[in-house]
């Protein structure tokens, strides 16, 4: 009876899901309808990628400026342990993280509990090497836990939303969704190329194009990715062939192949990862992405972070933000002092302030935290 009530009027929700193929605003309306029908405090859809940590797109009808402001949302996403957990069926955090582990996470303690949010129900809509789309409902502590009624609602709408996302990708040759991640990875200084089932390049982000133009090691010839004549490209060709074969066998759980291009033995030019992508038999087409190739210039210094962004995100002072940005780039403390024209003791004093604000006491953890922050996307 409860499930039947939850599915009443499902046609309206399905219509909103498919309207999102042409106009993404319909998905925001869909979140509002899901929130109302499940009697939730909030409903949201997070689009992210394992290939671009820190990059995400949030779709929600929540208009609370505090809860949807960039500082709050960036903070939530930086500690959102649920994004990496598979949820093929509607489930709660307690089912994914037993023994009360979820209630000890920074996500709950820092961002949910202070707003009286207690109950969560989520489900993966899409989960592959390029896209991760997670649908979530939230209730406050004074509401009832989610029941089979709300689970049935998510189970009913998720396949339609998944199909709508795939259709939207195909409608514009994948530009809507792939562009988001290609742009995000470019900001992370990661090159990204998509190859179709015949090994032809169907998509290339700005950073990959830049690496190919500047490194003089790779080229796109007749639509295919090839090493230049002065570089041994046999390993790259073999990795692409292996990824295409794995995809044809539906073995897309493969970790892929990591390799490097060298101008001479020991003289690495580029690091590469070649991975097969998940098949979608419903929407399979000749130009559908089949393999992704990631490029990284291992000789390039660390990511350039904007000190102003670190001040806004973590409450660091101007000096602390400058030091943090240099540390994230791989600069040692002595060189930081030289660059900023201050003493090493001054740098260490400011570093203690950074430790306090980031909740750590180790320089390595500061570097890791900043290099995984959303500040990389600015």
Protein backbone atom coordinates (compact mmCIF):
# COMPACT_ATOMS: atom_id res chain seq x y z
CA UNK A 1 0.00 0.00 0.00
CA UNK A 2 2.79 2.39 0.92
CA UNK A 3 4.70 1.62 -2.29
CA UNK A 4 1.60 2.18 -4.38
CA UNK A 5 1.09 5.57 -2.77
CA UNK A 6 4.68 6.57 -3.47
CA UNK A 7 4.32 5.67 -7.14
CA UNK A 8 1.07 7.57 -7.59
CA UNK A 9 1.64 10.31 -10.12
CA UNK A 10 4.95 8.79 -11.25
CA UNK A 11 4.18 9.85 -14.82
CA UNK A 12 4.79 13.49 -13.86
CA UNK A 13 8.21 12.67 -12.43
CA UNK A 14 9.14 10.59 -15.48
CA UNK A 15 8.12 13.48 -17.74
CA UNK A 16 10.40 15.87 -15.82
CA UNK A 17 13.29 13.40 -16.11
CA UNK A 18 12.97 13.27 -19.90
CA UNK A 19 12.38 17.00 -20.26
CA UNK A 20 15.90 17.35 -18.87
CA UNK A 21 17.23 16.01 -22.17
CA UNK A 22 16.56 19.43 -23.67
CA UNK A 23 16.50 21.69 -20.61
CA UNK A 24 18.43 20.87 -17.43
CA UNK A 25 16.18 23.17 -15.37
CA UNK A 26 13.59 20.41 -15.46
CA UNK A 27 15.88 18.28 -13.30
CA UNK A 28 15.86 20.99 -10.64
CA UNK A 29 12.06 20.88 -10.72
CA UNK A 30 12.25 17.10 -10.50
CA UNK A 31 14.33 17.40 -7.32
CA UNK A 32 11.60 19.60 -5.83
CA UNK A 33 8.92 17.06 -6.69
CA UNK A 34 10.96 14.20 -5.24
CA UNK A 35 11.51 16.19 -2.06
CA UNK A 36 7.80 16.91 -1.68
CA UNK A 37 6.59 13.41 -2.48
CA UNK A 38 9.10 11.76 -0.17
CA UNK A 39 8.46 14.34 2.57
CA UNK A 40 12.18 15.12 2.60
CA UNK A 41 14.01 18.21 3.75
CA UNK A 42 15.93 18.14 0.48
CA UNK A 43 16.46 16.11 -2.69
CA UNK A 44 19.57 16.47 -4.80
CA UNK A 45 21.53 14.96 -7.66
CA UNK A 46 25.32 15.13 -7.64
CA UNK A 47 27.20 14.66 -10.92
CA UNK A 48 30.87 13.85 -10.41
CA UNK A 49 33.66 11.64 -11.73
CA UNK A 50 36.27 9.39 -10.15
CA UNK A 51 38.59 10.70 -12.85
CA UNK A 52 38.26 14.29 -11.64
CA UNK A 53 38.24 14.32 -7.84
CA UNK A 54 36.97 17.62 -6.51
CA UNK A 55 34.89 18.32 -9.61
CA UNK A 56 31.13 18.07 -9.26
CA UNK A 57 27.82 19.55 -10.33
CA UNK A 58 24.98 19.84 -7.79
CA UNK A 59 21.34 19.86 -8.89
CA UNK A 60 18.88 20.76 -6.11
CA UNK A 61 15.75 22.80 -5.55
CA UNK A 62 17.01 23.98 -2.15
CA UNK A 63 17.20 27.78 -2.22
CA UNK A 64 18.71 28.22 1.25
CA UNK A 65 21.72 30.48 0.48
CA UNK A 66 23.70 29.05 3.41
CA UNK A 67 23.20 25.40 2.48
CA UNK A 68 23.72 25.95 -1.25
CA UNK A 69 26.49 28.55 -1.08
CA UNK A 70 29.78 27.58 -2.69
CA UNK A 71 31.72 27.58 0.60
CA UNK A 72 29.27 25.20 2.30
CA UNK A 73 28.83 22.96 -0.74
CA UNK A 74 32.58 22.75 -1.39
CA UNK A 75 33.06 21.77 2.24
CA UNK A 76 30.41 19.07 2.01
CA UNK A 77 31.86 17.63 -1.19
CA UNK A 78 35.41 17.60 0.16
CA UNK A 79 34.36 15.13 2.90
CA UNK A 80 31.45 13.38 1.19
CA UNK A 81 32.46 9.75 1.67
CA UNK A 82 29.24 8.58 0.04
CA UNK A 83 30.28 9.73 -3.44
CA UNK A 84 32.83 6.92 -3.70
CA UNK A 85 30.51 4.20 -2.37
CA UNK A 86 28.49 2.19 -4.89
CA UNK A 87 24.72 2.33 -4.36
CA UNK A 88 23.15 0.18 -7.09
CA UNK A 89 19.92 0.11 -5.05
CA UNK A 90 18.27 2.66 -2.79
CA UNK A 91 20.10 2.43 0.52
CA UNK A 92 21.04 4.40 3.62
CA UNK A 93 24.54 5.33 4.84
CA UNK A 94 24.10 2.97 7.79
CA UNK A 95 23.70 0.07 5.35
CA UNK A 96 26.88 1.08 3.52
CA UNK A 97 28.90 1.90 6.64
CA UNK A 98 27.97 -0.45 9.52
CA UNK A 99 28.66 -0.08 13.24
CA UNK A 100 27.73 3.59 13.29
CA UNK A 101 30.76 4.56 11.20
CA UNK A 102 28.77 7.12 9.20
CA UNK A 103 27.91 9.11 12.32
CA UNK A 104 31.61 9.53 13.04
CA UNK A 105 32.42 10.98 9.62
CA UNK A 106 33.22 14.63 9.03
CA UNK A 107 30.30 14.77 6.60
CA UNK A 108 27.83 14.02 9.37
CA UNK A 109 29.54 15.81 12.26
CA UNK A 110 30.40 19.04 10.42
CA UNK A 111 27.66 19.44 7.85
CA UNK A 112 24.60 17.33 8.66
CA UNK A 113 24.27 17.19 12.43
CA UNK A 114 24.54 21.01 12.91
CA UNK A 115 21.52 21.38 10.61
CA UNK A 116 19.59 18.57 12.32
CA UNK A 117 19.87 16.35 9.22
CA UNK A 118 19.83 12.71 10.29
CA UNK A 119 18.36 10.38 7.67
CA UNK A 120 19.72 9.92 4.14
CA UNK A 121 18.59 7.69 1.31
CA UNK A 122 20.58 7.47 -1.91
CA UNK A 123 20.97 5.58 -5.15
CA UNK A 124 23.40 5.61 -8.07
CA UNK A 125 21.76 6.72 -11.29
CA UNK A 126 24.90 6.41 -13.43
CA UNK A 127 28.23 4.96 -12.33
CA UNK A 128 30.94 4.43 -14.91
CA UNK A 129 34.47 5.66 -15.65
CA UNK A 130 33.30 9.04 -16.98
CA UNK A 131 30.17 9.84 -15.01
CA UNK A 132 28.92 9.27 -11.50
CA UNK A 133 25.42 10.53 -10.84
CA UNK A 134 23.99 10.00 -7.37
CA UNK A 135 20.42 10.79 -6.29
CA UNK A 136 19.91 11.57 -2.59
CA UNK A 137 17.11 12.40 -0.15
CA UNK A 138 17.59 13.95 3.31
CA UNK A 139 15.36 14.12 6.38
CA UNK A 140 15.79 15.85 9.72
CA UNK A 141 16.16 14.05 13.07
CA UNK A 142 12.58 14.83 14.08
CA UNK A 143 11.20 13.01 11.01
CA UNK A 144 10.73 9.29 10.55
CA UNK A 145 13.47 7.15 8.95
CA UNK A 146 12.99 6.36 5.28
CA UNK A 147 10.78 3.38 4.57
CA UNK A 148 10.12 1.03 1.67
CA UNK A 149 7.79 3.67 0.26
CA UNK A 150 10.63 6.11 -0.45
CA UNK A 151 12.94 3.33 -1.61
CA UNK A 152 10.35 2.31 -4.19
CA UNK A 153 10.12 5.92 -5.36
CA UNK A 154 13.87 6.13 -6.02
CA UNK A 155 13.91 2.71 -7.66
CA UNK A 156 11.09 3.77 -9.97
CA UNK A 157 12.56 7.09 -11.13
CA UNK A 158 16.28 6.15 -11.30
CA UNK A 159 16.15 4.10 -14.55
CA UNK A 160 14.26 6.89 -16.33
CA UNK A 161 16.69 9.52 -15.11
CA UNK A 162 19.61 7.34 -16.21
CA UNK A 163 18.12 6.94 -19.67
CA UNK A 164 17.44 10.68 -19.87
CA UNK A 165 21.08 11.44 -19.02
CA UNK A 166 22.30 9.00 -21.67
CA UNK A 167 19.90 10.44 -24.23
CA UNK A 168 21.05 13.95 -23.40
CA UNK A 169 24.63 12.83 -24.00
CA UNK A 170 23.72 11.26 -27.31
CA UNK A 171 21.52 14.18 -28.33
CA UNK A 172 24.58 16.42 -28.50
CA UNK A 173 27.21 13.71 -29.00
CA UNK A 174 27.92 13.70 -25.30
CA UNK A 175 28.89 17.38 -25.18
CA UNK A 176 26.70 18.32 -22.21
CA UNK A 177 28.16 15.86 -19.72
CA UNK A 178 31.57 15.14 -21.19
CA UNK A 179 32.36 18.82 -21.56
CA UNK A 180 31.90 19.29 -17.81
CA UNK A 181 34.49 16.66 -16.94
CA UNK A 182 36.85 17.53 -19.76
CA UNK A 183 36.87 21.14 -18.56
CA UNK A 184 37.31 20.06 -14.94
CA UNK A 185 40.25 17.81 -15.81
CA UNK A 186 41.82 20.58 -17.88
CA UNK A 187 41.78 22.76 -14.77
CA UNK A 188 43.43 19.91 -12.90
CA UNK A 189 46.12 19.83 -15.60
CA UNK A 190 44.98 16.40 -16.79
CA UNK A 191 44.58 15.78 -20.50
CA UNK A 192 41.59 13.68 -21.55
CA UNK A 193 40.81 12.08 -24.91
CA UNK A 194 37.84 9.85 -25.73
CA UNK A 195 38.18 7.19 -28.42
CA UNK A 196 35.34 5.38 -30.15
CA UNK A 197 35.08 1.61 -30.69
CA UNK A 198 37.38 1.87 -33.72
CA UNK A 199 40.03 3.81 -31.85
CA UNK A 200 39.23 7.19 -33.42
CA UNK A 201 39.41 10.35 -31.31
CA UNK A 202 35.90 11.67 -30.73
CA UNK A 203 36.67 14.15 -27.95
CA UNK A 204 39.73 15.98 -26.65
CA UNK A 205 39.89 18.51 -23.83
CA UNK A 206 41.86 21.75 -23.93
CA UNK A 207 44.67 20.48 -21.72
CA UNK A 208 45.23 17.36 -23.84
CA UNK A 209 45.34 19.54 -26.93
CA UNK A 210 47.91 21.77 -25.21
CA UNK A 211 50.05 18.81 -24.12
CA UNK A 212 50.02 17.36 -27.63
CA UNK A 213 50.99 20.70 -29.16
CA UNK A 214 53.75 21.50 -26.65
CA UNK A 215 55.33 18.13 -25.82
CA UNK A 216 56.12 17.06 -29.35
CA UNK A 217 55.51 13.44 -28.41
CA UNK A 218 51.92 12.70 -29.45
CA UNK A 219 49.84 13.60 -32.46
CA UNK A 220 46.33 12.97 -33.79
CA UNK A 221 46.77 11.57 -37.30
CA UNK A 222 43.78 10.62 -39.43
CA UNK A 223 41.63 10.84 -36.32
CA UNK A 224 43.83 8.48 -34.26
CA UNK A 225 46.16 9.09 -31.34
CA UNK A 226 49.73 8.21 -32.27
CA UNK A 227 53.22 8.75 -30.89
CA UNK A 228 55.48 10.88 -33.10
CA UNK A 229 58.23 9.19 -35.09
CA UNK A 230 60.94 9.96 -32.51
CA UNK A 231 59.02 8.29 -29.67
CA UNK A 232 58.39 4.56 -29.27
CA UNK A 233 54.60 4.30 -29.42
CA UNK A 234 54.23 0.51 -29.31
CA UNK A 235 53.16 0.49 -25.66
CA UNK A 236 50.49 3.13 -26.33
CA UNK A 237 49.10 1.24 -29.34
CA UNK A 238 49.07 -1.99 -27.32
CA UNK A 239 47.25 -0.29 -24.41
CA UNK A 240 44.58 1.15 -26.71
CA UNK A 241 44.05 -2.23 -28.40
CA UNK A 242 43.77 -3.92 -24.97
CA UNK A 243 41.23 -1.37 -23.77
CA UNK A 244 39.12 -1.77 -26.91
CA UNK A 245 39.26 -5.57 -26.55
CA UNK A 246 38.25 -5.33 -22.88
CA UNK A 247 35.30 -3.16 -23.78
CA UNK A 248 34.20 -5.58 -26.48
CA UNK A 249 34.27 -8.33 -23.83
CA UNK A 250 32.30 -6.04 -21.47
CA UNK A 251 35.29 -6.25 -19.13
CA UNK A 252 35.01 -2.57 -18.24
CA UNK A 253 35.95 -3.21 -14.64
CA UNK A 254 39.53 -3.32 -15.90
CA UNK A 255 41.85 -0.89 -14.16
CA UNK A 256 43.31 -0.07 -17.55
CA UNK A 257 46.96 0.36 -18.46
CA UNK A 258 49.45 2.85 -17.07
CA UNK A 259 52.45 3.70 -19.23
CA UNK A 260 54.90 6.45 -20.05
CA UNK A 261 56.34 7.91 -23.20
CA UNK A 262 60.10 8.49 -23.25
CA UNK A 263 62.23 10.53 -25.62
CA UNK A 264 65.15 8.35 -24.45
CA UNK A 265 65.57 5.66 -21.77
CA UNK A 266 64.80 7.28 -18.43
CA UNK A 267 63.69 10.57 -20.07
CA UNK A 268 59.94 10.48 -19.45
CA UNK A 269 57.85 12.95 -21.44
CA UNK A 270 54.28 12.01 -20.52
CA UNK A 271 52.49 9.65 -18.13
CA UNK A 272 49.37 8.02 -19.62
CA UNK A 273 46.48 5.89 -18.43
CA UNK A 274 44.30 4.07 -20.97
CA UNK A 275 40.98 2.62 -19.76
CA UNK A 276 37.91 1.01 -21.35
CA UNK A 277 34.55 2.69 -20.78
CA UNK A 278 31.26 1.01 -19.91
CA UNK A 279 29.03 -0.12 -22.78
CA UNK A 280 25.45 1.04 -23.06
CA UNK A 281 23.65 -1.37 -25.39
CA UNK A 282 20.51 0.77 -25.43
CA UNK A 283 22.30 3.85 -26.74
CA UNK A 284 25.28 2.32 -28.48
CA UNK A 285 26.38 4.21 -31.57
CA UNK A 286 29.45 4.31 -33.77
CA UNK A 287 30.69 7.55 -32.20
CA UNK A 288 30.02 6.56 -28.58
CA UNK A 289 33.14 6.84 -26.36
CA UNK A 290 34.71 3.42 -25.84
CA UNK A 291 38.12 4.25 -24.35
CA UNK A 292 39.46 7.16 -22.31
CA UNK A 293 43.10 8.23 -22.40
CA UNK A 294 44.45 10.46 -19.62
CA UNK A 295 47.64 12.44 -20.14
CA UNK A 296 49.86 14.00 -17.50
CA UNK A 297 53.07 15.96 -17.99
CA UNK A 298 55.15 14.53 -15.15
CA UNK A 299 57.77 17.26 -15.58
CA UNK A 300 55.27 20.01 -14.84
CA UNK A 301 55.31 21.58 -11.33
CA UNK A 302 52.37 21.04 -8.99
CA UNK A 303 48.98 22.65 -9.51
CA UNK A 304 48.82 26.43 -9.19
CA UNK A 305 46.29 27.30 -6.50
CA UNK A 306 44.77 30.75 -6.07
CA UNK A 307 45.64 32.00 -2.55
CA UNK A 308 42.41 34.00 -2.54
CA UNK A 309 40.42 30.80 -3.03
CA UNK A 310 42.22 29.18 -0.08
CA UNK A 311 41.35 32.18 2.09
CA UNK A 312 37.67 31.93 1.13
CA UNK A 313 37.45 28.15 1.54
CA UNK A 314 39.50 27.58 4.69
CA UNK A 315 39.62 30.94 6.45
CA UNK A 316 43.39 31.20 6.00
CA UNK A 317 45.08 34.57 6.36
CA UNK A 318 46.72 36.18 3.35
CA UNK A 319 50.18 34.92 4.39
CA UNK A 320 48.87 31.44 5.24
CA UNK A 321 47.18 31.20 1.84
CA UNK A 322 50.36 32.19 0.02
CA UNK A 323 52.33 29.58 1.94
CA UNK A 324 49.65 26.93 1.38
CA UNK A 325 49.60 27.58 -2.38
CA UNK A 326 53.38 27.22 -2.59
CA UNK A 327 53.41 24.04 -0.48
CA UNK A 328 50.70 22.50 -2.68
CA UNK A 329 52.90 23.23 -5.68
CA UNK A 330 55.72 21.20 -4.11
CA UNK A 331 57.86 24.07 -2.81
CA UNK A 332 59.99 23.26 0.26
CA UNK A 333 59.84 25.46 3.37
CA UNK A 334 63.21 27.10 2.76
CA UNK A 335 62.22 28.03 -0.79
CA UNK A 336 58.84 29.30 0.47
CA UNK A 337 60.70 31.65 2.83
CA UNK A 338 62.91 32.84 -0.03
CA UNK A 339 59.98 33.39 -2.38
CA UNK A 340 58.02 35.38 0.21
CA UNK A 341 61.08 37.26 1.55
CA UNK A 342 60.49 36.14 5.14
CA UNK A 343 62.42 34.02 7.62
CA UNK A 344 61.98 30.27 7.92
CA UNK A 345 60.67 30.79 11.46
CA UNK A 346 57.94 33.09 10.11
CA UNK A 347 56.94 30.40 7.62
CA UNK A 348 56.79 27.78 10.39
CA UNK A 349 54.64 30.10 12.53
CA UNK A 350 52.14 30.55 9.70
CA UNK A 351 52.27 26.81 9.02
CA UNK A 352 51.01 26.16 12.55
CA UNK A 353 48.03 28.39 11.74
CA UNK A 354 47.37 26.33 8.61
CA UNK A 355 47.55 23.12 10.66
CA UNK A 356 44.93 24.45 13.08
CA UNK A 357 42.50 25.55 10.37
CA UNK A 358 42.83 22.35 8.34
CA UNK A 359 42.65 20.11 11.40
CA UNK A 360 46.02 18.41 11.00
CA UNK A 361 49.58 18.59 12.30
CA UNK A 362 51.45 17.22 9.30
CA UNK A 363 52.75 19.14 6.32
CA UNK A 364 52.11 16.17 4.00
CA UNK A 365 48.44 16.18 4.95
CA UNK A 366 48.21 19.91 4.26
CA UNK A 367 49.62 19.34 0.77
CA UNK A 368 47.27 16.41 0.14
CA UNK A 369 44.23 18.32 1.39
CA UNK A 370 44.94 21.41 -0.71
CA UNK A 371 45.75 19.38 -3.81
CA UNK A 372 42.38 17.62 -3.49
CA UNK A 373 40.37 20.75 -2.77
CA UNK A 374 37.92 22.35 -5.17
CA UNK A 375 40.30 25.33 -5.36
CA UNK A 376 42.00 23.39 -8.17
CA UNK A 377 39.00 24.15 -10.38
CA UNK A 378 39.38 27.94 -10.25
